[in-house]
N, C-alpha and C. Protein backbone atom coordinates (compact mmCIF):
# COMPACT_ATOMS: atom_id res chain seq x y z
N MET A 1 101.27 88.81 86.06
CA MET A 1 101.27 88.21 87.37
C MET A 1 101.64 89.24 88.43
N ILE A 2 102.63 90.06 88.13
CA ILE A 2 103.07 91.07 89.09
C ILE A 2 101.94 92.05 89.36
N SER A 3 101.22 92.43 88.33
CA SER A 3 100.11 93.37 88.48
C SER A 3 99.03 92.78 89.38
N ALA A 4 98.70 91.52 89.19
CA ALA A 4 97.66 90.87 89.99
C ALA A 4 98.07 90.77 91.45
N CYS A 5 99.33 90.49 91.71
CA CYS A 5 99.81 90.35 93.09
C CYS A 5 99.90 91.68 93.81
N SER A 6 100.16 92.74 93.08
CA SER A 6 100.36 94.02 93.73
C SER A 6 99.14 94.94 93.65
N ALA A 7 98.03 94.47 93.09
CA ALA A 7 96.82 95.29 93.00
C ALA A 7 96.32 95.64 94.40
N GLY A 8 96.12 96.92 94.64
CA GLY A 8 95.63 97.37 95.94
C GLY A 8 96.66 97.35 97.04
N ALA A 9 97.93 97.18 96.69
CA ALA A 9 98.99 97.11 97.69
C ALA A 9 99.86 98.36 97.63
N LYS A 10 100.57 98.60 98.71
CA LYS A 10 101.53 99.70 98.74
C LYS A 10 102.87 99.17 98.25
N VAL A 11 103.43 99.85 97.25
CA VAL A 11 104.71 99.44 96.68
C VAL A 11 105.63 100.66 96.66
N LYS A 12 106.81 100.53 97.24
CA LYS A 12 107.80 101.60 97.18
C LYS A 12 108.73 101.34 95.99
N VAL A 13 108.90 102.35 95.18
CA VAL A 13 109.75 102.22 93.99
C VAL A 13 111.17 101.86 94.38
N LEU A 14 111.64 102.38 95.50
CA LEU A 14 113.00 102.08 95.95
C LEU A 14 113.18 100.61 96.33
N ASP A 15 112.09 99.90 96.61
CA ASP A 15 112.16 98.49 97.02
C ASP A 15 112.06 97.54 95.84
N ILE A 16 112.01 98.03 94.61
CA ILE A 16 111.93 97.18 93.42
C ILE A 16 113.35 96.97 92.90
N LYS A 17 113.74 95.73 92.77
CA LYS A 17 115.09 95.40 92.31
C LYS A 17 115.04 94.30 91.25
N TYR A 18 115.96 94.37 90.29
CA TYR A 18 116.13 93.30 89.32
C TYR A 18 117.59 92.90 89.33
N LEU A 19 117.84 91.64 89.62
CA LEU A 19 119.20 91.11 89.63
C LEU A 19 119.43 90.37 88.31
N ALA A 20 120.01 91.08 87.36
CA ALA A 20 120.16 90.54 86.01
C ALA A 20 121.03 89.28 85.98
N SER A 21 122.06 89.24 86.79
CA SER A 21 122.96 88.08 86.76
C SER A 21 122.25 86.80 87.20
N ASN A 22 121.26 86.92 88.09
CA ASN A 22 120.50 85.76 88.57
C ASN A 22 119.13 85.64 87.91
N LYS A 23 118.76 86.66 87.11
CA LYS A 23 117.44 86.73 86.49
C LYS A 23 116.33 86.66 87.55
N VAL A 24 116.50 87.50 88.61
CA VAL A 24 115.56 87.53 89.73
C VAL A 24 114.97 88.93 89.84
N PHE A 25 113.66 88.99 89.99
CA PHE A 25 112.96 90.24 90.20
C PHE A 25 112.46 90.26 91.63
N LEU A 26 112.86 91.28 92.40
CA LEU A 26 112.46 91.39 93.81
C LEU A 26 111.48 92.55 93.96
N LEU A 27 110.38 92.29 94.65
CA LEU A 27 109.36 93.29 94.86
C LEU A 27 108.83 93.17 96.28
N SER A 28 108.97 94.22 97.04
CA SER A 28 108.45 94.24 98.41
C SER A 28 107.14 95.00 98.40
N ILE A 29 106.06 94.34 98.82
CA ILE A 29 104.74 94.98 98.83
C ILE A 29 104.09 94.83 100.20
N GLU A 30 103.19 95.76 100.50
CA GLU A 30 102.39 95.68 101.72
C GLU A 30 100.93 95.59 101.31
N ARG A 31 100.33 94.45 101.54
CA ARG A 31 98.93 94.25 101.20
C ARG A 31 98.08 94.56 102.41
N THR A 32 97.14 95.48 102.25
CA THR A 32 96.30 95.87 103.37
C THR A 32 95.06 94.98 103.48
N LYS A 33 94.63 94.40 102.37
CA LYS A 33 93.50 93.48 102.38
C LYS A 33 93.96 92.14 101.81
N VAL A 34 93.95 91.12 102.63
CA VAL A 34 94.37 89.79 102.19
C VAL A 34 93.13 88.91 102.15
N GLU A 35 92.89 88.35 100.98
CA GLU A 35 91.71 87.50 100.80
C GLU A 35 91.92 86.16 101.49
N THR A 36 90.87 85.65 102.11
CA THR A 36 90.94 84.34 102.75
C THR A 36 89.72 83.54 102.34
N GLY A 37 89.90 82.27 102.22
CA GLY A 37 88.78 81.38 101.93
C GLY A 37 88.20 81.56 100.54
N GLN A 38 86.95 81.18 100.38
CA GLN A 38 86.27 81.18 99.10
C GLN A 38 85.27 82.32 98.96
N ASP A 39 85.23 83.25 99.90
CA ASP A 39 84.20 84.28 99.94
C ASP A 39 84.18 85.20 98.73
N ASN A 40 85.33 85.50 98.14
CA ASN A 40 85.40 86.47 97.07
C ASN A 40 85.31 85.85 95.68
N LYS A 41 85.20 84.54 95.59
CA LYS A 41 85.15 83.87 94.28
C LYS A 41 83.74 83.85 93.73
N LYS A 42 83.64 83.92 92.40
CA LYS A 42 82.35 83.85 91.74
C LYS A 42 81.84 82.41 91.73
N ASN A 43 80.52 82.25 91.76
CA ASN A 43 79.95 80.92 91.64
C ASN A 43 80.00 80.50 90.18
N GLN A 44 80.43 79.29 89.93
CA GLN A 44 80.55 78.81 88.56
C GLN A 44 79.50 77.78 88.26
């Protein structure tokens, strides 16, 4: 899931955090292309 969300995005290694006590993974990404609508989906 993380790979799919961050594909084509800018990710700084310093901005990746894991809070073990809360079992939370934090990832700050900058997506330059954000998909909207149904244009990029395949016809089924």
